[in-house]
Each structure stands twice: as C-alpha cells, then as structure tokens.
Amino acid sequence: MTRAQLFVPLILFLVICGVGYVGFSLNDRHQLPSALLHKPFPEFHAASLLDTERRISKKDLLGRPTLVNVWATWCPTCKSEHDELLRIAAGTDVRLVGVNYKDDSVQARNWLSQFGNPYELVIVDADGAIGVELGVYGAPETFLLDRSGKVVYKRVGDVNPRIWRDELQPRFADLGVRVDPGMVGWQ
C-alpha cells in the first residue's frame, strides 16, 4: 500500500463532513422555496365549506391583503396554531381565508364550530388539487397575498406568536393593514 492510499479514507471523510456541514447550514425548514413567491395566486374554483351553495374563486381573494391558511382537522399542528389565528382575526384588519386540505367537510365544520372560526372564507380542497397548485408540502402552510393576489410570503409550519411578531405583522404593516398595537408585543 502506498503512502497516498493511506490518505484516501481521510479525504473521503473530510468530503462527507463538508457535504454534511453545507446541508445542515441551509435555511430554516420553514422557509422552503415556493415557486409561487412573487407570483399570482393560482386560479381556482371551489366550494365554500360553510356555505355549500357558494363557489369561491381567486377573485374573492383580491382587493386587500389576505392570509391564506391551509389546515385540516387531522393536523395536530393546525390545532396548536388555531388560537393564534383567532387572536389575529380578532385584533387586526387581516382577512383570513382557510383552505381545508384533504379533509372531511362535516368534521371540518364541526371543528370550526367547536374551536371557533377565524376565517372570513373557508375553501374546500377535499382532493388536494388546490394544494398541488400551491405547492403545499402538508398542513399547516400559510401564504400572504397582497391586494392584487400576488404571493409575497409563504410559511411552512404553524403561525405562533413569534411568527406573527417577527414575520407576519411587519409584512402586514408594510401592506398598510391595521394591527392593534397590543398585538405587536405578543410573546
């Protein structure tokens, strides 16, 4: 065995460590790239969860900044973020729209009845087709739309007080949405 061959395992080990370092130093997993960022929200036509006679489309999301929250009753993280969404709905002029993702509509209506409804509209996405158009990885995911319906922010994971304070509230303020001053300092 030559002297150079003795260094092959060391070099291989260093390459593996370098790849691991680069992989672990990637951005926050909640900041997954979105093909929709800075692009219009996709066109859709879907049933309303709470008014079964009504059809909702992209035009219903236009005109003011909107927080679109993808949720489901089978999602435990959706339950943990629900109180925060209720606080946002009660303390701001933020329009919240829910996308009920791959869920049973009866269970979803019961869930909102039991835990409260922060949403102005709830879109039924029983087969996940809207989720596919949005590039949804799973629930919960949240999209911030400007007045024209362009996606300006995407959050993978729950909306909690820290996310509201550090990420969402400043973006809404930039879009001219009223936020109760007491909400800014939520901990």
Protein backbone atom coordinates (compact mmCIF):
# COMPACT_ATOMS: atom_id res chain seq x y z
CA MET A 1 0.00 0.00 0.00
CA THR A 2 1.39 3.37 -0.97
CA ARG A 3 1.52 6.38 1.27
CA ALA A 4 -1.09 8.22 -0.93
CA GLN A 5 -3.57 5.36 -0.49
CA LEU A 6 -3.43 5.84 3.27
CA PHE A 7 -4.92 9.33 2.87
CA VAL A 8 -7.93 8.22 0.77
CA PRO A 9 -10.14 7.40 3.82
CA LEU A 10 -9.21 10.74 5.43
CA ILE A 11 -10.03 12.68 2.25
CA LEU A 12 -13.32 10.79 1.85
CA PHE A 13 -14.21 11.53 5.49
CA LEU A 14 -13.48 15.25 5.01
CA VAL A 15 -15.64 15.37 1.86
CA ILE A 16 -18.54 13.74 3.71
CA CYS A 17 -18.13 16.20 6.60
CA GLY A 18 -18.10 19.13 4.15
CA VAL A 19 -21.30 17.97 2.44
CA GLY A 20 -22.95 17.46 5.84
CA TYR A 21 -21.91 20.92 7.01
CA VAL A 22 -23.35 22.57 3.90
CA GLY A 23 -26.55 20.52 4.19
CA PHE A 24 -27.12 21.37 7.86
CA SER A 25 -26.39 25.05 7.37
CA LEU A 26 -29.24 25.52 4.87
CA ASN A 27 -32.01 27.97 5.67
CA ASP A 28 -34.80 27.29 8.12
CA ARG A 29 -37.02 24.38 7.03
CA HIS A 30 -40.00 26.73 7.42
CA GLN A 31 -38.57 28.85 4.63
CA LEU A 32 -38.90 26.19 1.95
CA PRO A 33 -38.72 27.71 -1.51
CA SER A 34 -42.01 28.37 -3.23
CA ALA A 35 -42.44 28.61 -6.96
CA LEU A 36 -45.35 30.97 -6.22
CA LEU A 37 -43.34 33.58 -4.31
CA HIS A 38 -43.79 36.96 -6.05
CA LYS A 39 -46.26 35.38 -8.48
CA PRO A 40 -50.06 35.50 -8.63
CA PHE A 41 -52.07 33.09 -6.50
CA PRO A 42 -53.30 30.31 -8.82
CA GLU A 43 -56.75 30.42 -10.39
CA PHE A 44 -59.25 28.09 -8.73
CA HIS A 45 -62.99 27.50 -8.33
CA ALA A 46 -64.04 25.56 -5.24
CA ALA A 47 -66.92 25.06 -2.84
CA SER A 48 -67.26 27.04 0.35
CA LEU A 49 -67.10 24.92 3.49
CA LEU A 50 -69.62 26.99 5.43
CA ASP A 51 -71.99 27.98 2.60
CA THR A 52 -72.32 24.88 0.44
CA GLU A 53 -74.26 26.81 -2.22
CA ARG A 54 -71.39 29.25 -2.72
CA ARG A 55 -68.41 28.84 -5.05
CA ILE A 56 -65.18 30.64 -4.19
CA SER A 57 -62.58 31.71 -6.74
CA LYS A 58 -59.37 33.69 -6.87
CA LYS A 59 -61.32 36.92 -7.40
CA ASP A 60 -62.69 36.53 -3.84
CA LEU A 61 -59.12 36.91 -2.54
CA LEU A 62 -58.37 40.19 -4.32
CA GLY A 63 -58.69 43.76 -3.10
CA ARG A 64 -56.89 43.65 0.25
CA PRO A 65 -54.01 41.75 1.82
CA THR A 66 -55.06 38.23 2.73
CA LEU A 67 -53.59 35.46 4.84
CA VAL A 68 -54.43 32.09 3.26
CA ASN A 69 -54.04 29.27 5.78
CA VAL A 70 -54.00 25.61 4.65
CA TRP A 71 -55.36 23.47 7.51
CA ALA A 72 -57.11 20.20 8.32
CA THR A 73 -58.79 18.54 11.30
CA TRP A 74 -56.34 15.62 11.10
CA CYS A 75 -53.39 18.01 11.58
CA PRO A 76 -52.27 18.40 15.23
CA THR A 77 -50.13 21.44 14.40
CA CYS A 78 -53.20 23.12 12.89
CA LYS A 79 -54.92 22.78 16.28
CA SER A 80 -51.92 24.29 18.05
CA GLU A 81 -51.90 27.36 15.77
CA HIS A 82 -55.68 27.85 15.86
CA ASP A 83 -55.75 30.12 18.95
CA GLU A 84 -53.19 32.40 17.33
CA LEU A 85 -55.31 32.66 14.18
CA LEU A 86 -58.33 33.54 16.34
CA ARG A 87 -56.30 36.30 18.06
CA ILE A 88 -55.11 37.65 14.70
CA ALA A 89 -58.67 37.69 13.35
CA ALA A 90 -59.99 39.45 16.48
CA GLY A 91 -57.20 42.02 16.87
CA THR A 92 -56.45 43.11 13.30
CA ASP A 93 -57.98 44.02 9.96
CA VAL A 94 -56.27 40.97 8.48
CA ARG A 95 -58.51 38.92 6.18
CA LEU A 96 -58.00 35.22 6.92
CA VAL A 97 -59.04 32.63 4.36
CA GLY A 98 -58.82 28.93 5.16
CA VAL A 99 -58.14 26.12 2.73
CA ASN A 100 -59.49 22.93 4.26
CA TYR A 101 -56.98 20.45 2.85
CA LYS A 102 -57.75 16.77 2.15
CA ASP A 103 -60.31 16.69 4.93
CA ASP A 104 -63.87 15.59 5.67
CA SER A 105 -66.17 18.62 5.32
CA VAL A 106 -68.53 17.56 8.11
CA GLN A 107 -65.63 17.12 10.54
CA ALA A 108 -64.17 20.46 9.44
CA ARG A 109 -67.45 22.33 10.04
CA ASN A 110 -67.76 20.67 13.47
CA TRP A 111 -64.15 21.55 14.27
CA LEU A 112 -64.72 25.25 13.46
CA SER A 113 -67.94 25.21 15.44
CA GLN A 114 -66.18 23.70 18.46
CA PHE A 115 -62.92 25.71 18.41
CA GLY A 116 -64.04 28.95 16.74
CA ASN A 117 -63.77 30.24 13.20
CA PRO A 118 -61.06 32.81 12.43
CA TYR A 119 -61.73 32.65 8.69
CA GLU A 120 -63.73 35.02 6.53
CA LEU A 121 -63.96 32.28 3.89
CA VAL A 122 -63.14 28.57 4.01
CA ILE A 123 -62.31 26.83 0.73
CA VAL A 124 -62.91 23.08 0.38
CA ASP A 125 -59.89 21.26 -1.10
CA ALA A 126 -61.03 17.69 -0.48
CA ASP A 127 -58.87 16.12 -3.20
CA GLY A 128 -55.82 18.35 -2.64
CA ALA A 129 -55.93 19.91 -6.13
CA ILE A 130 -55.57 23.47 -4.83
CA GLY A 131 -52.77 22.29 -2.54
CA VAL A 132 -50.94 20.89 -5.57
CA GLU A 133 -51.26 24.25 -7.36
CA LEU A 134 -49.91 25.98 -4.25
CA GLY A 135 -47.02 23.54 -3.88
CA VAL A 136 -48.23 22.52 -0.42
CA TYR A 137 -45.99 20.05 1.42
CA GLY A 138 -48.59 19.43 4.14
CA ALA A 139 -50.67 21.27 6.69
CA PRO A 140 -50.37 23.85 8.04
CA GLU A 141 -48.96 26.20 5.44
CA THR A 142 -49.75 29.88 5.19
CA PHE A 143 -49.49 32.32 2.29
CA LEU A 144 -49.62 36.11 2.48
CA LEU A 145 -51.17 37.76 -0.57
CA ASP A 146 -51.01 41.44 -1.42
CA ARG A 147 -54.06 43.36 -2.69
CA SER A 148 -53.53 42.13 -6.25
CA GLY A 149 -53.36 38.48 -5.19
CA LYS A 150 -49.60 38.10 -5.53
CA VAL A 151 -47.93 35.74 -3.03
CA VAL A 152 -45.46 37.82 -1.00
CA TYR A 153 -44.69 35.30 1.77
CA LYS A 154 -45.02 31.60 2.50
CA ARG A 155 -44.79 29.89 5.88
CA VAL A 156 -44.46 26.12 6.27
CA GLY A 157 -45.49 25.19 9.80
CA ASP A 158 -47.57 26.83 12.47
CA VAL A 159 -48.31 30.51 12.90
CA ASN A 160 -47.45 31.24 16.51
CA PRO A 161 -46.90 34.47 18.48
CA ARG A 162 -43.23 34.67 17.47
CA ILE A 163 -44.02 34.14 13.79
CA TRP A 164 -46.77 36.75 14.00
CA ARG A 165 -44.49 39.28 15.71
CA ASP A 166 -41.31 38.72 13.71
CA GLU A 167 -42.52 37.67 10.26
CA LEU A 168 -46.18 38.36 9.55
CA GLN A 169 -47.02 41.55 11.44
CA PRO A 170 -44.20 43.58 9.83
CA ARG A 171 -45.25 42.38 6.38
CA PHE A 172 -48.87 43.32 7.02
CA ALA A 173 -47.77 46.72 8.28
CA ASP A 174 -45.80 47.20 5.04
CA LEU A 175 -49.00 46.37 3.14
CA GLY A 176 -50.93 49.00 5.12
CA VAL A 177 -53.03 46.67 7.27
CA ARG A 178 -54.13 47.93 10.71
CA VAL A 179 -52.69 45.94 13.57
CA ASP A 180 -53.75 46.51 17.17
CA PRO A 181 -50.65 47.88 18.95
CA GLY A 182 -51.24 45.40 21.78
CA MET A 183 -50.71 42.53 19.33
CA VAL A 184 -47.26 43.66 18.24
CA GLY A 185 -45.66 42.66 21.54
CA TRP A 186 -47.36 39.28 21.94
CA GLN A 187 -44.99 36.79 23.45
